[in-house]
Amino acid sequence: MAIVEMRTYRVKPGSIPEVVKRFGEALEKSGRNKVAPLGGFFHTEVGPLNRIIHCWPYESLAAREKLRAEAMKLSGWPPPIGEFIEEMESKIINLAPFSPALGDRGLGGLYEIRTYTMLPGALPTVTERWAERIEGRTKLSPLAFCGSTELGGLNQWIHVWAYKDAAERFRIRAEAQAIGAWPPATRGQFVRQENMFVIPAAFSPLH
């Protein structure tokens, strides 16, 4: 697996339960996972609200094009949620060399998606310095996946962390800083940092 497509849809206020329900039903009935499996599905809890985020792993951009074309021929796909969608965004993420693969992993009930905008040309430095520290950091809490954008918003470093709940998240981040395990020495490489807390759907492989 080399890339992940992260699709973010902003939906109408109050529609998240119905959107998640229809998406899950369509995923099961259409056989979409047999064409190319879903990597993760979430809705936002803290941060930009009324978003669903679905992540699809592919071997390459060429494979993505081919498999998405096959999926569009399926009966019942895409999910019938168009009436709720107000905005759509897609990013192609190249997974970092140390990133876990997406798959069926029970990591926690709360995920934090952090998006850092890098200075142009900063990617090699960021990757190298993260690689030096990531083993110690992941002993405290699991990394779901991490990588840099190839298409969509450029120069973005996206990392997704799993926690049992918000209390564990604050405790672990404080512990990581206290013992010097985190963060890597990369702050001068970033010009913007954003985060959001997201909840996995019952059908999400990352859960």
C-alpha atoms as a PDB file:
ATOM      1  CA  MET A   1       0.000   0.000   0.000  1.00  0.00           C
ATOM      2  CA  ALA A   2       1.516   3.288  -1.058  1.00  0.00           C
ATOM      3  CA  ILE A   3      -1.247   5.885  -0.930  1.00  0.00           C
ATOM      4  CA  VAL A   4      -4.400   6.739   0.976  1.00  0.00           C
ATOM      5  CA  GLU A   5      -7.239   8.797  -0.424  1.00  0.00           C
ATOM      6  CA  MET A   6      -8.805  10.827   2.379  1.00  0.00           C
ATOM      7  CA  ARG A   7     -12.238  12.076   1.355  1.00  0.00           C
ATOM      8  CA  THR A   8     -13.943  14.647   3.567  1.00  0.00           C
ATOM      9  CA  TYR A   9     -17.590  15.582   3.076  1.00  0.00           C
ATOM     10  CA  ARG A  10     -19.268  18.455   4.871  1.00  0.00           C
ATOM     11  CA  VAL A  11     -22.886  17.496   5.376  1.00  0.00           C
ATOM     12  CA  LYS A  12     -25.999  19.281   6.558  1.00  0.00           C
ATOM     13  CA  PRO A  13     -26.310  19.869  10.322  1.00  0.00           C
ATOM     14  CA  GLY A  14     -28.119  17.017  12.018  1.00  0.00           C
ATOM     15  CA  SER A  15     -27.614  14.592   9.122  1.00  0.00           C
ATOM     16  CA  ILE A  16     -24.600  12.640  10.408  1.00  0.00           C
ATOM     17  CA  PRO A  17     -26.570   9.659  11.840  1.00  0.00           C
ATOM     18  CA  GLU A  18     -28.499   9.140   8.589  1.00  0.00           C
ATOM     19  CA  VAL A  19     -25.398   9.669   6.427  1.00  0.00           C
ATOM     20  CA  VAL A  20     -23.415   7.113   8.426  1.00  0.00           C
ATOM     21  CA  LYS A  21     -26.321   4.648   8.292  1.00  0.00           C
ATOM     22  CA  ARG A  22     -26.729   4.909   4.521  1.00  0.00           C
ATOM     23  CA  PHE A  23     -22.996   4.739   3.905  1.00  0.00           C
ATOM     24  CA  GLY A  24     -22.652   1.584   5.989  1.00  0.00           C
ATOM     25  CA  GLU A  25     -25.608  -0.090   4.302  1.00  0.00           C
ATOM     26  CA  ALA A  26     -24.329   0.735   0.824  1.00  0.00           C
ATOM     27  CA  LEU A  27     -20.845  -0.486   1.692  1.00  0.00           C
ATOM     28  CA  GLU A  28     -22.236  -3.864   2.720  1.00  0.00           C
ATOM     29  CA  LYS A  29     -24.894  -4.371   0.036  1.00  0.00           C
ATOM     30  CA  SER A  30     -22.922  -3.106  -2.971  1.00  0.00           C
ATOM     31  CA  GLY A  31     -19.824  -5.220  -2.389  1.00  0.00           C
ATOM     32  CA  ARG A  32     -17.634  -2.105  -2.512  1.00  0.00           C
ATOM     33  CA  ASN A  33     -15.102  -3.645  -0.129  1.00  0.00           C
ATOM     34  CA  LYS A  34     -14.539  -6.505  -2.570  1.00  0.00           C
ATOM     35  CA  VAL A  35     -13.311  -4.026  -5.186  1.00  0.00           C
ATOM     36  CA  ALA A  36     -11.027  -2.136  -2.796  1.00  0.00           C
ATOM     37  CA  PRO A  37     -11.481  -2.174   0.978  1.00  0.00           C
ATOM     38  CA  LEU A  38     -12.327   0.832   3.073  1.00  0.00           C
ATOM     39  CA  GLY A  39      -9.491   1.834   5.392  1.00  0.00           C
ATOM     40  CA  GLY A  40     -11.390   3.959   7.898  1.00  0.00           C
ATOM     41  CA  PHE A  41     -14.593   5.966   8.329  1.00  0.00           C
ATOM     42  CA  PHE A  42     -15.140   8.710  10.891  1.00  0.00           C
ATOM     43  CA  HIS A  43     -17.292  11.687  11.758  1.00  0.00           C
ATOM     44  CA  THR A  44     -15.968  14.797  13.474  1.00  0.00           C
ATOM     45  CA  GLU A  45     -16.629  15.370  17.158  1.00  0.00           C
ATOM     46  CA  VAL A  46     -14.323  18.324  17.901  1.00  0.00           C
ATOM     47  CA  GLY A  47     -12.991  20.730  15.288  1.00  0.00           C
ATOM     48  CA  PRO A  48     -14.810  21.375  11.989  1.00  0.00           C
ATOM     49  CA  LEU A  49     -18.240  19.860  12.632  1.00  0.00           C
ATOM     50  CA  ASN A  50     -20.655  18.006  10.348  1.00  0.00           C
ATOM     51  CA  ARG A  51     -17.892  16.173   8.500  1.00  0.00           C
ATOM     52  CA  ILE A  52     -17.530  12.558   7.521  1.00  0.00           C
ATOM     53  CA  ILE A  53     -14.061  11.329   6.597  1.00  0.00           C
ATOM     54  CA  HIS A  54     -13.474   8.122   4.694  1.00  0.00           C
ATOM     55  CA  CYS A  55     -10.018   6.782   3.911  1.00  0.00           C
ATOM     56  CA  TRP A  56      -9.269   4.382   1.070  1.00  0.00           C
ATOM     57  CA  PRO A  57      -5.864   2.694   0.657  1.00  0.00           C
ATOM     58  CA  TYR A  58      -4.501   1.962  -2.823  1.00  0.00           C
ATOM     59  CA  GLU A  59      -1.221   0.709  -4.223  1.00  0.00           C
ATOM     60  CA  SER A  60      -0.883   3.670  -6.583  1.00  0.00           C
ATOM     61  CA  LEU A  61      -2.748   6.458  -8.345  1.00  0.00           C
ATOM     62  CA  ALA A  62      -3.211   4.177 -11.351  1.00  0.00           C
ATOM     63  CA  ALA A  63      -4.742   1.492  -9.137  1.00  0.00           C
ATOM     64  CA  ARG A  64      -7.036   4.070  -7.549  1.00  0.00           C
ATOM     65  CA  GLU A  65      -8.310   5.198 -10.954  1.00  0.00           C
ATOM     66  CA  LYS A  66      -8.966   1.648 -12.094  1.00  0.00           C
ATOM     67  CA  LEU A  67     -10.646   0.481  -8.889  1.00  0.00           C
ATOM     68  CA  ARG A  68     -12.805   3.578  -8.499  1.00  0.00           C
ATOM     69  CA  ALA A  69     -14.047   3.095 -12.053  1.00  0.00           C
ATOM     70  CA  GLU A  70     -14.949  -0.501 -11.201  1.00  0.00           C
ATOM     71  CA  ALA A  71     -16.703   0.598  -8.011  1.00  0.00           C
ATOM     72  CA  MET A  72     -18.867   3.106  -9.886  1.00  0.00           C
ATOM     73  CA  LYS A  73     -20.336   0.213 -11.884  1.00  0.00           C
ATOM     74  CA  LEU A  74     -21.615  -1.494  -8.731  1.00  0.00           C
ATOM     75  CA  SER A  75     -25.312  -1.506  -8.004  1.00  0.00           C
ATOM     76  CA  GLY A  76     -25.953   0.605  -4.922  1.00  0.00           C
ATOM     77  CA  TRP A  77     -22.690   2.544  -5.025  1.00  0.00           C
ATOM     78  CA  PRO A  78     -21.975   5.339  -4.271  1.00  0.00           C
ATOM     79  CA  PRO A  79     -24.146   5.625  -1.140  1.00  0.00           C
ATOM     80  CA  PRO A  80     -27.382   7.621  -1.564  1.00  0.00           C
ATOM     81  CA  ILE A  81     -26.227  10.589   0.527  1.00  0.00           C
ATOM     82  CA  GLY A  82     -26.066  13.310  -2.122  1.00  0.00           C
ATOM     83  CA  GLU A  83     -29.026  15.204  -0.642  1.00  0.00           C
ATOM     84  CA  PHE A  84     -26.988  15.828   2.527  1.00  0.00           C
ATOM     85  CA  ILE A  85     -23.619  16.807   1.023  1.00  0.00           C
ATOM     86  CA  GLU A  86     -22.681  20.489   0.975  1.00  0.00           C
ATOM     87  CA  GLU A  87     -18.971  20.257   0.194  1.00  0.00           C
ATOM     88  CA  MET A  88     -16.507  17.546  -0.838  1.00  0.00           C
ATOM     89  CA  GLU A  89     -12.718  17.396  -0.585  1.00  0.00           C
ATOM     90  CA  SER A  90     -10.213  14.731  -1.564  1.00  0.00           C
ATOM     91  CA  LYS A  91      -6.541  14.404  -0.649  1.00  0.00           C
ATOM     92  CA  ILE A  92      -4.054  11.821  -1.848  1.00  0.00           C
ATOM     93  CA  ILE A  93      -1.568  10.958   0.894  1.00  0.00           C
ATOM     94  CA  ASN A  94       1.752   9.209   0.313  1.00  0.00           C
ATOM     95  CA  LEU A  95       2.295   7.058   3.376  1.00  0.00           C
ATOM     96  CA  ALA A  96       5.521   7.692   5.287  1.00  0.00           C
ATOM     97  CA  PRO A  97       8.055   4.827   5.327  1.00  0.00           C
ATOM     98  CA  PHE A  98       7.285   4.167   8.996  1.00  0.00           C
ATOM     99  CA  SER A  99       3.494   4.422   8.682  1.00  0.00           C
ATOM    100  CA  PRO A 100       1.396   1.376   9.568  1.00  0.00           C
ATOM    101  CA  ALA A 101      -0.818   0.010   6.825  1.00  0.00           C
ATOM    102  CA  LEU A 102      -4.525   0.661   7.040  1.00  0.00           C
ATOM    103  CA  GLY A 103      -6.528  -2.402   7.933  1.00  0.00           C
ATOM    104  CA  ASP A 104      -8.783  -3.977  10.515  1.00  0.00           C
ATOM    105  CA  ARG A 105      -7.242  -2.624  13.716  1.00  0.00           C
ATOM    106  CA  GLY A 106      -9.035  -1.972  17.005  1.00  0.00           C
ATOM    107  CA  LEU A 107      -7.004   0.943  18.312  1.00  0.00           C
ATOM    108  CA  GLY A 108      -9.429   3.103  20.279  1.00  0.00           C
ATOM    109  CA  GLY A 109     -12.718   4.953  20.437  1.00  0.00           C
ATOM    110  CA  LEU A 110     -11.258   8.365  19.623  1.00  0.00           C
ATOM    111  CA  TYR A 111      -8.962   9.337  16.759  1.00  0.00           C
ATOM    112  CA  GLU A 112      -7.085  12.596  16.394  1.00  0.00           C
ATOM    113  CA  ILE A 113      -6.330  13.795  12.872  1.00  0.00           C
ATOM    114  CA  ARG A 114      -3.540  16.369  12.851  1.00  0.00           C
ATOM    115  CA  THR A 115      -2.750  18.312   9.680  1.00  0.00           C
ATOM    116  CA  TYR A 116       0.463  20.327   9.562  1.00  0.00           C
ATOM    117  CA  THR A 117       1.268  22.554   6.586  1.00  0.00           C
ATOM    118  CA  MET A 118       4.995  22.368   5.851  1.00  0.00           C
ATOM    119  CA  LEU A 119       7.319  24.879   4.310  1.00  0.00           C
ATOM    120  CA  PRO A 120       7.963  24.005   0.642  1.00  0.00           C
ATOM    121  CA  GLY A 121      10.811  21.504   0.497  1.00  0.00           C
ATOM    122  CA  ALA A 122      10.551  20.531   4.182  1.00  0.00           C
ATOM    123  CA  LEU A 123       9.294  16.973   3.632  1.00  0.00           C
ATOM    124  CA  PRO A 124      12.679  15.153   3.690  1.00  0.00           C
ATOM    125  CA  THR A 125      13.647  16.827   6.985  1.00  0.00           C
ATOM    126  CA  VAL A 126      10.260  16.167   8.575  1.00  0.00           C
ATOM    127  CA  THR A 127      10.287  12.515   7.512  1.00  0.00           C
ATOM    128  CA  GLU A 128      13.828  11.950   8.789  1.00  0.00           C
ATOM    129  CA  ARG A 129      13.229  13.564  12.180  1.00  0.00           C
ATOM    130  CA  TRP A 130       9.931  11.787  12.710  1.00  0.00           C
ATOM    131  CA  ALA A 131      11.545   8.458  11.826  1.00  0.00           C
ATOM    132  CA  GLU A 132      14.071   9.031  14.616  1.00  0.00           C
ATOM    133  CA  ARG A 133      11.359   9.507  17.267  1.00  0.00           C
ATOM    134  CA  ILE A 134       8.349   7.531  16.099  1.00  0.00           C
ATOM    135  CA  GLU A 135       9.255   4.226  17.780  1.00  0.00           C
ATOM    136  CA  GLY A 136       9.369   5.815  21.223  1.00  0.00           C
ATOM    137  CA  ARG A 137       6.156   7.759  20.642  1.00  0.00           C
ATOM    138  CA  THR A 138       4.158   4.757  19.459  1.00  0.00           C
ATOM    139  CA  LYS A 139       5.010   2.896  22.655  1.00  0.00           C
ATOM    140  CA  LEU A 140       2.647   5.352  24.366  1.00  0.00           C
ATOM    141  CA  SER A 141      -0.262   5.278  21.894  1.00  0.00           C
ATOM    142  CA  PRO A 142      -0.749   3.819  18.414  1.00  0.00           C
ATOM    143  CA  LEU A 143      -0.267   5.685  15.171  1.00  0.00           C
ATOM    144  CA  ALA A 144      -3.084   4.832  12.750  1.00  0.00           C
ATOM    145  CA  PHE A 145      -1.258   6.216   9.713  1.00  0.00           C
ATOM    146  CA  CYS A 146       0.907   9.119   8.641  1.00  0.00           C
ATOM    147  CA  GLY A 147       2.056  10.698   5.401  1.00  0.00           C
ATOM    148  CA  SER A 148       2.312  13.724   3.142  1.00  0.00           C
ATOM    149  CA  THR A 149      -0.111  15.031   0.558  1.00  0.00           C
ATOM    150  CA  GLU A 150       0.526  14.427  -3.128  1.00  0.00           C
ATOM    151  CA  LEU A 151      -2.753  15.901  -4.394  1.00  0.00           C
ATOM    152  CA  GLY A 152      -5.326  18.145  -2.736  1.00  0.00           C
ATOM    153  CA  GLY A 153      -3.900  20.591  -0.226  1.00  0.00           C
ATOM    154  CA  LEU A 154      -0.162  20.494  -0.903  1.00  0.00           C
ATOM    155  CA  ASN A 155       2.759  20.402   1.571  1.00  0.00           C
ATOM    156  CA  GLN A 156       0.602  18.829   4.261  1.00  0.00           C
ATOM    157  CA  TRP A 157       1.851  16.338   6.826  1.00  0.00           C
ATOM    158  CA  ILE A 158      -1.132  14.335   8.102  1.00  0.00           C
ATOM    159  CA  HIS A 159      -0.899  12.033  11.085  1.00  0.00           C
ATOM    160  CA  VAL A 160      -3.720  10.123  12.738  1.00  0.00           C
ATOM    161  CA  TRP A 161      -3.497   8.892  16.338  1.00  0.00           C
ATOM    162  CA  ALA A 162      -5.783   6.583  18.291  1.00  0.00           C
ATOM    163  CA  TYR A 163      -6.810   6.867  21.932  1.00  0.00           C
ATOM    164  CA  LYS A 164      -9.298   5.238  24.260  1.00  0.00           C
ATOM    165  CA  ASP A 165     -10.893   8.619  24.966  1.00  0.00           C
ATOM    166  CA  ALA A 166     -10.070  12.321  25.304  1.00  0.00           C
ATOM    167  CA  ALA A 167      -8.758  11.944  28.853  1.00  0.00           C
ATOM    168  CA  GLU A 168      -6.224   9.345  27.693  1.00  0.00           C
ATOM    169  CA  ARG A 169      -5.208  11.585  24.828  1.00  0.00           C
ATOM    170  CA  PHE A 170      -4.342  14.514  27.103  1.00  0.00           C
ATOM    171  CA  ARG A 171      -2.533  12.244  29.561  1.00  0.00           C
ATOM    172  CA  ILE A 172      -0.410  10.523  26.918  1.00  0.00           C
ATOM    173  CA  ARG A 173       0.553  13.717  25.130  1.00  0.00           C
ATOM    174  CA  ALA A 174       1.667  15.244  28.431  1.00  0.00           C
ATOM    175  CA  GLU A 175       3.635  12.094  29.281  1.00  0.00           C
ATOM    176  CA  ALA A 176       5.337  12.042  25.863  1.00  0.00           C
ATOM    177  CA  GLN A 177       6.492  15.623  26.280  1.00  0.00           C
ATOM    178  CA  ALA A 178       7.573  15.089  29.877  1.00  0.00           C
ATOM    179  CA  ILE A 179       9.888  12.184  29.043  1.00  0.00           C
ATOM    180  CA  GLY A 180      11.237  13.921  25.928  1.00  0.00           C
ATOM    181  CA  ALA A 181       9.821  11.335  23.535  1.00  0.00           C
ATOM    182  CA  TRP A 182       7.880  13.920  21.583  1.00  0.00           C
ATOM    183  CA  PRO A 183       7.646  16.078  19.531  1.00  0.00           C
ATOM    184  CA  PRO A 184      10.431  15.740  16.972  1.00  0.00           C
ATOM    185  CA  ALA A 185      12.515  18.852  16.324  1.00  0.00           C
ATOM    186  CA  THR A 186      10.433  19.957  13.347  1.00  0.00           C
ATOM    187  CA  ARG A 187       8.454  22.967  14.504  1.00  0.00           C
ATOM    188  CA  GLY A 188      10.461  25.330  12.319  1.00  0.00           C
ATOM    189  CA  GLN A 189       9.369  23.271   9.311  1.00  0.00           C
ATOM    190  CA  PHE A 190       5.643  23.999   9.761  1.00  0.00           C
ATOM    191  CA  VAL A 191       3.651  27.141   9.027  1.00  0.00           C
ATOM    192  CA  ARG A 192       0.231  25.936  10.185  1.00  0.00           C
ATOM    193  CA  GLN A 193      -1.129  23.228  12.487  1.00  0.00           C
ATOM    194  CA  GLU A 194      -4.715  21.973  12.780  1.00  0.00           C
ATOM    195  CA  ASN A 195      -6.363  19.072  14.541  1.00  0.00           C
ATOM    196  CA  MET A 196      -9.734  17.455  15.059  1.00  0.00           C
ATOM    197  CA  PHE A 197     -11.166  14.612  17.103  1.00  0.00           C
ATOM    198  CA  VAL A 198     -13.132  12.049  15.133  1.00  0.00           C
ATOM    199  CA  ILE A 199     -15.241   9.015  16.072  1.00  0.00           C
ATOM    200  CA  PRO A 200     -15.071   5.782  14.053  1.00  0.00           C
ATOM    201  CA  ALA A 201     -18.267   4.301  12.633  1.00  0.00           C
ATOM    202  CA  ALA A 202     -19.274   0.785  13.661  1.00  0.00           C
ATOM    203  CA  PHE A 203     -18.242  -0.477  10.200  1.00  0.00           C
ATOM    204  CA  SER A 204     -14.882   1.313  10.144  1.00  0.00           C
ATOM    205  CA  PRO A 205     -11.880  -1.037   9.859  1.00  0.00           C
ATOM    206  CA  LEU A 206     -10.016   1.408  12.112  1.00  0.00           C
ATOM    207  CA  HIS A 207     -12.020   1.339  15.320  1.00  0.00           C
END
